[in-house]
C-alpha cells in the first residue's frame, strides 16, 4: 500500500460569504486561517459532486456518448455521468439512475475505478467513476431534453478509447479518468477495483 495518501484537512474559516447561487453551483468567498494568523481570501465554486460510469460489455467495448458542452464550446465523447443532486440518494443509486437515463442500460456488477477532485484549487467538485459490467438494456420513463436529446451512444473497444485519450481526441475528464483507470486496472488483472461502497474523500 502506498504511503502517499490524501486526507481530510479542515483549516479555520474566519468568515464566509455566498457571493452567488445558481441552479447547480454557487460561488463562495472565504477568509481562511492557514495557521500563521493572517487570513487569506479564497473564492471557490460549491458543487454537489458527480458520478461517472464506464459501462463495459463482454467484448471489452465501452459505452461512450456524444454530448454538446456549452462552456467548452465543444461536442465531446463522454461516459454516462450525472450530478449527485437528489436528496438522500446514495452514490451507487445515482450512478445506476444516470446510466439508465442516458443510455437505456443497466449493469449487474459495479466497482469503483477512481475518485478525483476535478479542480481542487477552485472548486469542491468531486467525481467518482464506476466500472459497470454485466450490461443489459432497460426501459424507463426519463425523457431526454435540451443537450441530452442530441446524445448518441456508441460502443468503442477499450483499446481504441485509450488511444483516443492519448492522441488528444477525447477531452472529457470523466471519460479520460475512466478509460485510463480501466486500462491500468486491466493491466493488473483488475486487482485494483474497489467495492462500490468504498470510502470516498468528498
N, C-alpha and C. Protein backbone atom coordinates (compact mmCIF):
# COMPACT_ATOMS: atom_id res chain seq x y z
N UNK A 1 0.84 -1.19 0.00
CA UNK A 1 0.00 0.00 0.00
C UNK A 1 0.88 1.24 0.00
N UNK A 2 0.54 2.22 -0.82
CA UNK A 2 1.34 3.43 -0.93
C UNK A 2 1.28 4.23 0.36
N UNK A 3 2.43 4.84 0.73
CA UNK A 3 2.47 5.72 1.90
C UNK A 3 1.95 7.10 1.57
N UNK A 4 1.72 7.39 0.29
CA UNK A 4 1.20 8.69 -0.13
C UNK A 4 -0.31 8.59 -0.22
N UNK A 5 -0.99 9.36 0.62
CA UNK A 5 -2.44 9.27 0.68
C UNK A 5 -3.03 10.62 1.04
N UNK A 6 -4.00 11.08 0.27
CA UNK A 6 -4.70 12.32 0.59
C UNK A 6 -5.51 12.14 1.87
N UNK A 7 -5.75 13.24 2.57
CA UNK A 7 -6.52 13.16 3.80
C UNK A 7 -7.31 14.45 4.01
N UNK A 8 -8.37 14.35 4.80
CA UNK A 8 -9.20 15.50 5.11
C UNK A 8 -8.43 16.46 6.01
N UNK A 9 -8.48 17.75 5.71
CA UNK A 9 -7.74 18.77 6.47
C UNK A 9 -8.60 20.03 6.51
N UNK A 10 -9.21 20.30 7.64
CA UNK A 10 -10.12 21.44 7.77
C UNK A 10 -9.38 22.62 8.40
N UNK A 11 -9.05 23.64 7.64
CA UNK A 11 -8.47 24.86 8.19
C UNK A 11 -9.60 25.79 8.65
N UNK A 12 -9.28 26.66 9.60
CA UNK A 12 -10.30 27.53 10.20
C UNK A 12 -10.76 28.60 9.21
N UNK A 13 -12.07 28.66 9.01
CA UNK A 13 -12.66 29.69 8.17
C UNK A 13 -13.08 30.84 9.08
N UNK A 14 -12.41 31.99 8.90
CA UNK A 14 -12.67 33.16 9.74
C UNK A 14 -14.02 33.79 9.37
N UNK A 15 -14.31 33.86 8.07
CA UNK A 15 -15.58 34.41 7.61
C UNK A 15 -15.93 33.79 6.28
N UNK A 16 -17.22 33.76 5.99
CA UNK A 16 -17.69 33.16 4.74
C UNK A 16 -18.85 33.97 4.18
N UNK A 17 -18.82 34.15 2.86
CA UNK A 17 -19.91 34.84 2.17
C UNK A 17 -20.29 34.05 0.93
N UNK A 18 -21.59 33.81 0.75
CA UNK A 18 -22.05 33.22 -0.51
C UNK A 18 -22.29 34.36 -1.48
N UNK A 19 -21.42 34.46 -2.46
CA UNK A 19 -21.46 35.57 -3.41
C UNK A 19 -22.60 35.42 -4.39
N UNK A 20 -22.86 34.19 -4.80
CA UNK A 20 -23.88 33.93 -5.82
C UNK A 20 -24.29 32.48 -5.75
N UNK A 21 -25.57 32.19 -6.07
CA UNK A 21 -26.07 30.83 -6.10
C UNK A 21 -26.92 30.64 -7.33
N UNK A 22 -26.55 29.65 -8.15
CA UNK A 22 -27.32 29.33 -9.35
C UNK A 22 -28.10 28.04 -9.17
N UNK A 23 -28.55 27.49 -10.28
CA UNK A 23 -29.35 26.26 -10.24
C UNK A 23 -28.55 25.07 -9.74
N UNK A 24 -27.26 25.01 -10.09
CA UNK A 24 -26.43 23.86 -9.73
C UNK A 24 -25.30 24.25 -8.80
N UNK A 25 -24.61 25.34 -9.07
CA UNK A 25 -23.41 25.70 -8.31
C UNK A 25 -23.57 27.06 -7.65
N UNK A 26 -22.69 27.33 -6.69
CA UNK A 26 -22.60 28.62 -6.05
C UNK A 26 -21.17 29.08 -5.98
N UNK A 27 -20.97 30.36 -5.71
CA UNK A 27 -19.63 30.92 -5.53
C UNK A 27 -19.50 31.38 -4.08
N UNK A 28 -18.46 30.86 -3.42
CA UNK A 28 -18.23 31.12 -2.01
C UNK A 28 -16.95 31.93 -1.85
N UNK A 29 -16.99 32.92 -0.95
CA UNK A 29 -15.82 33.72 -0.62
C UNK A 29 -15.45 33.47 0.84
N UNK A 30 -14.29 32.87 1.08
CA UNK A 30 -13.83 32.53 2.43
C UNK A 30 -12.59 33.33 2.79
N UNK A 31 -12.51 33.75 4.04
CA UNK A 31 -11.27 34.20 4.66
C UNK A 31 -10.77 33.02 5.49
N UNK A 32 -9.59 32.47 5.14
CA UNK A 32 -9.10 31.22 5.72
C UNK A 32 -7.82 31.47 6.50
N UNK A 33 -7.77 30.93 7.70
CA UNK A 33 -6.56 30.99 8.53
C UNK A 33 -5.76 29.70 8.30
N UNK A 34 -4.60 29.83 7.66
CA UNK A 34 -3.76 28.66 7.40
C UNK A 34 -2.87 28.31 8.59
N UNK A 35 -2.94 29.11 9.64
CA UNK A 35 -2.19 28.79 10.84
C UNK A 35 -1.17 29.84 11.24
N UNK A 36 -0.96 30.84 10.39
CA UNK A 36 0.03 31.87 10.72
C UNK A 36 -0.61 33.16 11.23
N UNK A 37 -1.93 33.12 11.42
CA UNK A 37 -2.61 34.26 12.00
C UNK A 37 -3.08 35.32 11.02
N UNK A 38 -2.70 35.20 9.76
CA UNK A 38 -3.11 36.18 8.75
C UNK A 38 -4.05 35.51 7.76
N UNK A 39 -5.36 35.77 7.82
CA UNK A 39 -6.31 35.12 6.91
C UNK A 39 -6.02 35.48 5.45
N UNK A 40 -6.30 34.54 4.58
CA UNK A 40 -6.17 34.76 3.14
C UNK A 40 -7.53 34.57 2.48
N UNK A 41 -7.75 35.25 1.37
CA UNK A 41 -9.01 35.15 0.63
C UNK A 41 -8.95 33.99 -0.34
N UNK A 42 -9.97 33.13 -0.28
CA UNK A 42 -10.10 32.06 -1.25
C UNK A 42 -11.55 32.04 -1.75
N UNK A 43 -11.73 32.18 -3.06
CA UNK A 43 -13.04 32.13 -3.68
C UNK A 43 -13.14 30.81 -4.45
N UNK A 44 -14.26 30.09 -4.26
CA UNK A 44 -14.36 28.76 -4.84
C UNK A 44 -15.80 28.45 -5.22
N UNK A 45 -15.93 27.48 -6.11
CA UNK A 45 -17.24 27.06 -6.62
C UNK A 45 -17.74 25.87 -5.79
N UNK A 46 -18.94 26.03 -5.24
CA UNK A 46 -19.59 24.97 -4.47
C UNK A 46 -20.41 24.10 -5.43
N UNK A 47 -20.10 22.81 -5.46
CA UNK A 47 -20.67 21.89 -6.44
C UNK A 47 -21.16 20.63 -5.73
N UNK A 48 -22.27 20.02 -6.14
CA UNK A 48 -22.80 18.86 -5.43
C UNK A 48 -22.01 17.57 -5.64
N UNK A 49 -21.09 17.55 -6.61
CA UNK A 49 -20.37 16.32 -6.92
C UNK A 49 -21.07 15.52 -8.00
N UNK A 50 -20.38 14.51 -8.51
CA UNK A 50 -20.92 13.76 -9.64
C UNK A 50 -20.39 12.33 -9.66
N UNK A 51 -21.06 11.50 -10.42
CA UNK A 51 -20.61 10.13 -10.67
C UNK A 51 -20.53 9.91 -12.18
N UNK A 52 -19.58 9.09 -12.58
CA UNK A 52 -19.45 8.68 -13.97
C UNK A 52 -19.43 7.17 -14.04
N UNK A 53 -19.83 6.63 -15.18
CA UNK A 53 -19.93 5.18 -15.31
C UNK A 53 -19.24 4.73 -16.59
N UNK A 54 -18.18 3.92 -16.44
CA UNK A 54 -17.56 3.28 -17.59
C UNK A 54 -18.25 1.93 -17.76
N UNK A 55 -19.25 1.89 -18.62
CA UNK A 55 -20.00 0.66 -18.88
C UNK A 55 -19.26 -0.15 -19.92
N UNK A 56 -18.95 -1.41 -19.59
CA UNK A 56 -18.15 -2.27 -20.46
C UNK A 56 -18.89 -3.56 -20.74
N UNK A 57 -18.95 -3.94 -22.03
CA UNK A 57 -19.63 -5.19 -22.38
C UNK A 57 -18.65 -6.37 -22.35
N UNK A 58 -19.13 -7.54 -22.70
CA UNK A 58 -18.31 -8.75 -22.62
C UNK A 58 -17.15 -8.75 -23.60
N UNK A 59 -17.20 -7.90 -24.62
CA UNK A 59 -16.11 -7.80 -25.60
C UNK A 59 -15.13 -6.68 -25.28
N UNK A 60 -15.22 -6.12 -24.06
CA UNK A 60 -14.38 -5.01 -23.61
C UNK A 60 -14.55 -3.78 -24.49
N UNK A 61 -15.78 -3.56 -24.93
CA UNK A 61 -16.15 -2.28 -25.54
C UNK A 61 -16.81 -1.43 -24.48
N UNK A 62 -16.55 -0.13 -24.52
CA UNK A 62 -17.11 0.79 -23.53
C UNK A 62 -18.13 1.71 -24.17
N UNK A 63 -19.13 2.08 -23.39
CA UNK A 63 -20.21 2.94 -23.88
C UNK A 63 -19.79 4.40 -23.78
N UNK A 64 -19.68 5.07 -24.92
CA UNK A 64 -19.39 6.49 -24.97
C UNK A 64 -20.60 7.22 -25.55
N UNK A 65 -20.87 8.40 -25.01
CA UNK A 65 -21.98 9.20 -25.51
C UNK A 65 -21.46 10.54 -25.99
N UNK A 66 -22.03 11.00 -27.09
CA UNK A 66 -21.64 12.29 -27.66
C UNK A 66 -22.58 13.36 -27.13
N UNK A 67 -21.99 14.43 -26.54
CA UNK A 67 -22.83 15.47 -25.94
C UNK A 67 -22.19 16.84 -26.13
N UNK A 68 -23.05 17.83 -26.43
CA UNK A 68 -22.60 19.22 -26.56
C UNK A 68 -22.38 19.81 -25.17
N UNK A 69 -21.24 20.51 -24.99
CA UNK A 69 -20.91 21.17 -23.73
C UNK A 69 -20.69 22.65 -24.01
N UNK A 70 -21.64 23.47 -23.58
CA UNK A 70 -21.63 24.87 -23.98
C UNK A 70 -20.43 25.64 -23.43
N UNK A 71 -20.08 25.40 -22.16
CA UNK A 71 -18.96 26.16 -21.58
C UNK A 71 -17.66 25.92 -22.35
N UNK A 72 -17.47 24.71 -22.84
CA UNK A 72 -16.28 24.38 -23.62
C UNK A 72 -16.42 24.71 -25.09
N UNK A 73 -17.66 25.07 -25.52
CA UNK A 73 -17.94 25.30 -26.94
C UNK A 73 -17.47 24.11 -27.78
N UNK A 74 -17.87 22.92 -27.33
CA UNK A 74 -17.40 21.70 -28.00
C UNK A 74 -18.41 20.58 -27.80
N UNK A 75 -18.44 19.66 -28.74
CA UNK A 75 -19.16 18.41 -28.58
C UNK A 75 -18.15 17.35 -28.22
N UNK A 76 -18.37 16.67 -27.11
CA UNK A 76 -17.39 15.75 -26.54
C UNK A 76 -17.93 14.33 -26.49
N UNK A 77 -17.01 13.37 -26.59
CA UNK A 77 -17.34 11.98 -26.32
C UNK A 77 -17.07 11.74 -24.84
N UNK A 78 -18.10 11.32 -24.13
CA UNK A 78 -18.03 11.18 -22.68
C UNK A 78 -18.53 9.80 -22.26
N UNK A 79 -18.36 9.51 -20.98
CA UNK A 79 -19.05 8.35 -20.42
C UNK A 79 -20.32 8.85 -19.75
N UNK A 80 -21.32 7.99 -19.55
CA UNK A 80 -22.52 8.42 -18.84
C UNK A 80 -22.12 8.98 -17.47
N UNK A 81 -22.74 10.08 -17.09
CA UNK A 81 -22.38 10.73 -15.83
C UNK A 81 -23.51 11.66 -15.41
N UNK A 82 -23.49 12.03 -14.14
CA UNK A 82 -24.51 12.95 -13.67
C UNK A 82 -24.23 13.46 -12.29
N UNK A 83 -24.99 14.47 -11.90
CA UNK A 83 -24.82 15.13 -10.61
C UNK A 83 -25.37 14.30 -9.46
N UNK A 84 -24.76 14.49 -8.30
CA UNK A 84 -25.30 13.93 -7.06
C UNK A 84 -26.20 14.98 -6.42
N UNK A 85 -27.32 15.23 -7.06
CA UNK A 85 -28.19 16.33 -6.65
C UNK A 85 -29.58 15.87 -6.23
N UNK A 86 -29.75 14.58 -5.96
CA UNK A 86 -31.02 14.07 -5.47
C UNK A 86 -30.89 13.82 -3.97
N UNK A 87 -31.69 14.51 -3.17
CA UNK A 87 -31.60 14.40 -1.71
C UNK A 87 -31.80 12.95 -1.26
N UNK A 88 -30.87 12.48 -0.42
CA UNK A 88 -31.00 11.16 0.16
C UNK A 88 -30.57 10.02 -0.73
N UNK A 89 -30.13 10.31 -1.95
CA UNK A 89 -29.74 9.25 -2.89
C UNK A 89 -28.27 8.91 -2.70
N UNK A 90 -27.95 7.63 -2.47
CA UNK A 90 -26.55 7.26 -2.33
C UNK A 90 -25.86 7.25 -3.68
N UNK A 91 -24.54 7.21 -3.66
CA UNK A 91 -23.74 7.38 -4.88
C UNK A 91 -24.02 6.30 -5.92
N UNK A 92 -24.09 5.04 -5.47
CA UNK A 92 -24.30 3.95 -6.42
C UNK A 92 -25.69 4.03 -7.04
N UNK A 93 -26.69 4.35 -6.25
CA UNK A 93 -28.04 4.51 -6.79
C UNK A 93 -28.07 5.62 -7.83
N UNK A 94 -27.36 6.72 -7.55
CA UNK A 94 -27.27 7.81 -8.52
C UNK A 94 -26.61 7.37 -9.80
N UNK A 95 -25.56 6.56 -9.69
CA UNK A 95 -24.86 6.07 -10.88
C UNK A 95 -25.77 5.16 -11.70
N UNK A 96 -26.52 4.29 -11.06
CA UNK A 96 -27.45 3.41 -11.77
C UNK A 96 -28.53 4.22 -12.48
N UNK A 97 -29.02 5.25 -11.80
CA UNK A 97 -30.04 6.10 -12.40
C UNK A 97 -29.50 6.81 -13.63
N UNK A 98 -28.31 7.39 -13.51
CA UNK A 98 -27.73 8.12 -14.64
C UNK A 98 -27.44 7.20 -15.82
N UNK A 99 -26.97 5.99 -15.55
CA UNK A 99 -26.69 5.04 -16.63
C UNK A 99 -27.96 4.73 -17.41
N UNK A 100 -29.05 4.50 -16.70
CA UNK A 100 -30.32 4.19 -17.35
C UNK A 100 -30.84 5.39 -18.12
N UNK A 101 -30.80 6.58 -17.50
CA UNK A 101 -31.37 7.76 -18.13
C UNK A 101 -30.63 8.17 -19.40
N UNK A 102 -29.31 8.00 -19.40
CA UNK A 102 -28.52 8.49 -20.53
C UNK A 102 -28.28 7.45 -21.61
N UNK A 103 -28.38 6.16 -21.27
CA UNK A 103 -28.02 5.14 -22.26
C UNK A 103 -29.02 3.99 -22.38
N UNK A 104 -30.06 3.95 -21.55
CA UNK A 104 -31.01 2.83 -21.51
C UNK A 104 -30.32 1.53 -21.12
N UNK A 105 -29.30 1.63 -20.26
CA UNK A 105 -28.53 0.45 -19.86
C UNK A 105 -28.63 0.23 -18.36
N UNK A 106 -28.44 -1.03 -17.96
CA UNK A 106 -28.29 -1.42 -16.56
C UNK A 106 -27.09 -2.35 -16.47
N UNK A 107 -26.58 -2.53 -15.26
CA UNK A 107 -25.41 -3.39 -15.07
C UNK A 107 -25.60 -4.23 -13.80
N UNK A 108 -25.07 -5.45 -13.82
CA UNK A 108 -25.16 -6.35 -12.67
C UNK A 108 -23.98 -6.18 -11.73
N UNK A 109 -22.83 -5.80 -12.26
CA UNK A 109 -21.59 -5.79 -11.48
C UNK A 109 -21.01 -4.37 -11.44
N UNK A 110 -20.77 -3.86 -10.24
CA UNK A 110 -20.28 -2.49 -10.08
C UNK A 110 -19.03 -2.47 -9.20
N UNK A 111 -18.03 -1.70 -9.65
CA UNK A 111 -16.82 -1.46 -8.87
C UNK A 111 -16.39 0.00 -9.03
N UNK A 112 -15.64 0.49 -8.06
CA UNK A 112 -15.06 1.82 -8.17
C UNK A 112 -13.74 1.73 -8.92
N UNK A 113 -13.61 2.57 -9.95
CA UNK A 113 -12.35 2.69 -10.68
C UNK A 113 -11.45 3.77 -10.09
N UNK A 114 -12.00 4.98 -9.88
CA UNK A 114 -11.17 6.09 -9.43
C UNK A 114 -12.03 7.21 -8.88
N UNK A 115 -11.43 8.03 -8.01
CA UNK A 115 -12.06 9.21 -7.45
C UNK A 115 -11.13 10.40 -7.64
N UNK A 116 -11.69 11.57 -7.97
CA UNK A 116 -10.87 12.77 -8.07
C UNK A 116 -11.66 13.98 -7.57
N UNK A 117 -10.91 15.04 -7.18
CA UNK A 117 -11.44 16.39 -7.13
C UNK A 117 -11.13 17.01 -8.48
N UNK A 118 -12.15 17.50 -9.17
CA UNK A 118 -11.97 17.93 -10.56
C UNK A 118 -11.09 19.17 -10.69
N UNK A 119 -11.29 20.16 -9.82
CA UNK A 119 -10.50 21.38 -9.85
C UNK A 119 -10.28 21.84 -8.41
N UNK A 120 -9.44 21.17 -7.64
CA UNK A 120 -9.36 21.42 -6.21
C UNK A 120 -8.84 22.81 -5.84
N UNK A 121 -8.20 23.50 -6.76
CA UNK A 121 -7.76 24.85 -6.47
C UNK A 121 -8.89 25.86 -6.48
N UNK A 122 -10.04 25.49 -7.07
CA UNK A 122 -11.11 26.47 -7.18
C UNK A 122 -12.52 25.91 -7.04
N UNK A 123 -12.65 24.62 -6.71
CA UNK A 123 -13.98 24.02 -6.59
C UNK A 123 -13.91 22.80 -5.68
N UNK A 124 -15.01 22.51 -5.01
CA UNK A 124 -15.10 21.27 -4.21
C UNK A 124 -15.71 20.12 -5.01
N UNK A 125 -15.85 20.29 -6.32
CA UNK A 125 -16.46 19.24 -7.14
C UNK A 125 -15.63 17.96 -7.08
N UNK A 126 -16.29 16.89 -6.69
CA UNK A 126 -15.65 15.58 -6.66
C UNK A 126 -16.35 14.65 -7.65
N UNK A 127 -15.59 13.71 -8.17
CA UNK A 127 -16.11 12.78 -9.18
C UNK A 127 -15.67 11.37 -8.84
N UNK A 128 -16.63 10.46 -8.81
CA UNK A 128 -16.33 9.03 -8.66
C UNK A 128 -16.71 8.34 -9.96
N UNK A 129 -15.80 7.53 -10.49
CA UNK A 129 -16.07 6.77 -11.72
C UNK A 129 -16.15 5.29 -11.38
N UNK A 130 -17.28 4.69 -11.76
CA UNK A 130 -17.51 3.27 -11.56
C UNK A 130 -17.23 2.50 -12.84
N UNK A 131 -16.82 1.25 -12.69
CA UNK A 131 -16.81 0.29 -13.78
C UNK A 131 -18.07 -0.55 -13.64
N UNK A 132 -18.88 -0.58 -14.70
CA UNK A 132 -20.14 -1.32 -14.68
C UNK A 132 -20.07 -2.42 -15.74
N UNK A 133 -20.30 -3.66 -15.32
CA UNK A 133 -20.27 -4.80 -16.25
C UNK A 133 -21.51 -5.66 -16.04
N UNK A 134 -21.69 -6.62 -16.95
CA UNK A 134 -22.93 -7.39 -16.95
C UNK A 134 -24.06 -6.53 -17.47
N UNK A 135 -23.89 -6.03 -18.68
CA UNK A 135 -24.75 -4.99 -19.24
C UNK A 135 -26.03 -5.58 -19.84
N UNK A 136 -27.14 -4.87 -19.63
CA UNK A 136 -28.41 -5.22 -20.27
C UNK A 136 -29.15 -3.92 -20.58
N UNK A 137 -30.15 -4.02 -21.42
CA UNK A 137 -30.96 -2.84 -21.76
C UNK A 137 -32.19 -2.79 -20.87
N UNK A 138 -32.61 -1.56 -20.53
CA UNK A 138 -33.76 -1.37 -19.64
C UNK A 138 -34.69 -0.32 -20.23
N UNK A 139 -35.93 -0.33 -19.77
CA UNK A 139 -36.89 0.71 -20.10
C UNK A 139 -37.09 1.61 -18.90
N UNK A 140 -37.34 2.89 -19.14
CA UNK A 140 -37.55 3.85 -18.06
C UNK A 140 -38.42 4.98 -18.60
N UNK A 141 -38.85 5.85 -17.69
CA UNK A 141 -39.76 6.93 -18.08
C UNK A 141 -39.05 8.26 -18.28
N UNK A 142 -37.73 8.28 -18.10
CA UNK A 142 -37.00 9.55 -18.21
C UNK A 142 -37.02 10.05 -19.66
N UNK A 143 -37.27 11.35 -19.82
CA UNK A 143 -37.28 11.97 -21.15
C UNK A 143 -36.05 12.86 -21.29
N UNK A 144 -35.24 12.59 -22.29
CA UNK A 144 -34.03 13.41 -22.51
C UNK A 144 -34.41 14.71 -23.20
N UNK A 145 -33.95 15.82 -22.62
CA UNK A 145 -34.27 17.14 -23.15
C UNK A 145 -33.01 17.95 -23.35
N UNK A 146 -33.16 19.08 -24.04
CA UNK A 146 -32.05 20.02 -24.27
C UNK A 146 -30.86 19.29 -24.90
N UNK A 147 -29.64 19.46 -24.34
CA UNK A 147 -28.47 18.81 -24.95
C UNK A 147 -28.58 17.29 -24.93
N UNK A 148 -29.25 16.75 -23.89
CA UNK A 148 -29.36 15.29 -23.79
C UNK A 148 -30.17 14.70 -24.93
N UNK A 149 -31.06 15.50 -25.52
CA UNK A 149 -31.89 14.98 -26.62
C UNK A 149 -31.04 14.66 -27.84
N UNK A 150 -29.85 15.25 -27.95
CA UNK A 150 -28.97 15.04 -29.10
C UNK A 150 -27.96 13.92 -28.87
N UNK A 151 -27.93 13.32 -27.68
CA UNK A 151 -26.87 12.37 -27.36
C UNK A 151 -26.91 11.13 -28.26
N UNK A 152 -25.73 10.70 -28.63
CA UNK A 152 -25.56 9.47 -29.42
C UNK A 152 -24.72 8.49 -28.61
N UNK A 153 -25.16 7.24 -28.56
CA UNK A 153 -24.42 6.18 -27.86
C UNK A 153 -23.61 5.39 -28.87
N UNK A 154 -22.34 5.16 -28.52
CA UNK A 154 -21.51 4.33 -29.39
C UNK A 154 -20.65 3.40 -28.53
N UNK A 155 -20.57 2.14 -28.93
CA UNK A 155 -19.71 1.17 -28.23
C UNK A 155 -18.33 1.18 -28.89
N UNK A 156 -17.30 1.43 -28.09
CA UNK A 156 -15.94 1.60 -28.59
C UNK A 156 -15.02 0.62 -27.87
N UNK A 157 -14.19 -0.14 -28.60
CA UNK A 157 -13.23 -1.02 -27.93
C UNK A 157 -12.37 -0.22 -26.95
N UNK A 158 -12.13 -0.78 -25.78
CA UNK A 158 -11.36 -0.07 -24.77
C UNK A 158 -10.01 0.39 -25.31
N UNK A 159 -9.35 -0.46 -26.08
CA UNK A 159 -8.05 -0.07 -26.63
C UNK A 159 -8.16 1.14 -27.55
N UNK A 160 -9.23 1.23 -28.32
CA UNK A 160 -9.44 2.41 -29.18
C UNK A 160 -9.71 3.65 -28.35
N UNK A 161 -10.45 3.49 -27.25
CA UNK A 161 -10.72 4.62 -26.37
C UNK A 161 -9.43 5.10 -25.71
N UNK A 162 -8.59 4.18 -25.28
CA UNK A 162 -7.29 4.55 -24.70
C UNK A 162 -6.48 5.35 -25.72
N UNK A 163 -6.43 4.84 -26.94
CA UNK A 163 -5.68 5.54 -28.00
C UNK A 163 -6.27 6.93 -28.24
N UNK A 164 -7.58 7.07 -28.16
CA UNK A 164 -8.22 8.36 -28.35
C UNK A 164 -7.83 9.37 -27.29
N UNK A 165 -7.74 8.92 -26.03
CA UNK A 165 -7.30 9.81 -24.96
C UNK A 165 -5.86 10.25 -25.21
N UNK A 166 -4.98 9.30 -25.50
CA UNK A 166 -3.56 9.62 -25.65
C UNK A 166 -3.27 10.44 -26.90
N UNK A 167 -4.16 10.34 -27.89
CA UNK A 167 -3.99 11.14 -29.12
C UNK A 167 -4.56 12.55 -28.97
N UNK A 168 -5.22 12.83 -27.85
CA UNK A 168 -5.83 14.14 -27.67
C UNK A 168 -7.17 14.28 -28.35
N UNK A 169 -7.83 13.15 -28.64
CA UNK A 169 -9.13 13.18 -29.31
C UNK A 169 -10.29 13.13 -28.33
N UNK A 170 -10.05 12.69 -27.10
CA UNK A 170 -11.06 12.62 -26.06
C UNK A 170 -10.63 13.54 -24.92
N UNK A 171 -11.50 14.50 -24.55
CA UNK A 171 -11.12 15.54 -23.59
C UNK A 171 -11.94 15.52 -22.31
N UNK A 172 -13.05 14.83 -22.27
CA UNK A 172 -13.90 14.80 -21.09
C UNK A 172 -13.11 14.26 -19.89
N UNK A 173 -13.14 14.96 -18.74
CA UNK A 173 -12.40 14.45 -17.58
C UNK A 173 -12.93 13.12 -17.07
N UNK A 174 -14.25 12.94 -17.06
CA UNK A 174 -14.79 11.66 -16.59
C UNK A 174 -14.42 10.53 -17.53
N UNK A 175 -14.49 10.77 -18.84
CA UNK A 175 -14.11 9.74 -19.80
C UNK A 175 -12.62 9.43 -19.72
N UNK A 176 -11.80 10.47 -19.65
CA UNK A 176 -10.35 10.27 -19.56
C UNK A 176 -9.99 9.49 -18.31
N UNK A 177 -10.55 9.89 -17.17
CA UNK A 177 -10.28 9.19 -15.92
C UNK A 177 -10.74 7.74 -16.00
N UNK A 178 -11.96 7.52 -16.48
CA UNK A 178 -12.48 6.16 -16.54
C UNK A 178 -11.71 5.27 -17.48
N UNK A 179 -11.39 5.78 -18.66
CA UNK A 179 -10.70 4.98 -19.67
C UNK A 179 -9.29 4.62 -19.22
N UNK A 180 -8.53 5.60 -18.74
CA UNK A 180 -7.14 5.32 -18.35
C UNK A 180 -7.09 4.49 -17.06
N UNK A 181 -8.05 4.70 -16.16
CA UNK A 181 -8.09 3.87 -14.95
C UNK A 181 -8.42 2.42 -15.31
N UNK A 182 -9.33 2.24 -16.26
CA UNK A 182 -9.66 0.88 -16.70
C UNK A 182 -8.46 0.22 -17.36
N UNK A 183 -7.71 1.00 -18.14
CA UNK A 183 -6.51 0.45 -18.78
C UNK A 183 -5.52 -0.03 -17.73
N UNK A 184 -5.28 0.80 -16.71
CA UNK A 184 -4.33 0.43 -15.67
C UNK A 184 -4.83 -0.76 -14.85
N UNK A 185 -6.13 -0.77 -14.53
CA UNK A 185 -6.67 -1.87 -13.74
C UNK A 185 -6.65 -3.17 -14.52
N UNK A 186 -6.99 -3.11 -15.80
CA UNK A 186 -6.95 -4.32 -16.63
C UNK A 186 -5.54 -4.88 -16.71
N UNK A 187 -4.57 -3.99 -16.82
CA UNK A 187 -3.17 -4.44 -16.91
C UNK A 187 -2.74 -5.19 -15.65
N UNK A 188 -3.38 -4.88 -14.53
CA UNK A 188 -3.08 -5.57 -13.27
C UNK A 188 -4.07 -6.66 -12.94
N UNK A 189 -4.80 -7.14 -13.96
CA UNK A 189 -5.77 -8.20 -13.73
C UNK A 189 -6.99 -7.75 -12.96
N UNK A 190 -7.29 -6.46 -13.01
CA UNK A 190 -8.44 -5.86 -12.33
C UNK A 190 -8.33 -5.93 -10.81
N UNK A 191 -7.13 -6.16 -10.29
CA UNK A 191 -6.96 -6.31 -8.84
C UNK A 191 -7.19 -5.00 -8.10
N UNK A 192 -7.09 -3.87 -8.79
CA UNK A 192 -7.23 -2.57 -8.12
C UNK A 192 -8.68 -2.16 -7.89
N UNK A 193 -9.62 -2.88 -8.48
CA UNK A 193 -11.03 -2.49 -8.35
C UNK A 193 -11.46 -2.50 -6.88
N UNK A 194 -12.23 -1.47 -6.51
CA UNK A 194 -12.73 -1.35 -5.14
C UNK A 194 -14.23 -1.62 -5.12
N UNK A 195 -14.77 -2.00 -3.96
CA UNK A 195 -16.21 -2.24 -3.88
C UNK A 195 -16.97 -0.93 -4.12
N UNK A 196 -18.21 -1.03 -4.55
CA UNK A 196 -18.97 0.18 -4.91
C UNK A 196 -19.22 1.12 -3.75
N UNK A 197 -19.12 0.62 -2.52
CA UNK A 197 -19.33 1.48 -1.35
C UNK A 197 -18.01 1.86 -0.68
N UNK A 198 -16.91 1.81 -1.43
CA UNK A 198 -15.61 2.15 -0.87
C UNK A 198 -15.61 3.59 -0.35
N UNK A 199 -14.83 3.88 0.70
CA UNK A 199 -14.77 5.26 1.21
C UNK A 199 -14.36 6.24 0.12
N UNK A 200 -14.91 7.47 0.24
CA UNK A 200 -14.68 8.49 -0.78
C UNK A 200 -14.39 9.79 -0.07
N UNK A 201 -13.24 10.39 -0.35
CA UNK A 201 -12.84 11.67 0.23
C UNK A 201 -13.55 12.78 -0.52
N UNK A 202 -14.73 13.16 -0.04
CA UNK A 202 -15.50 14.21 -0.70
C UNK A 202 -16.28 15.03 0.33
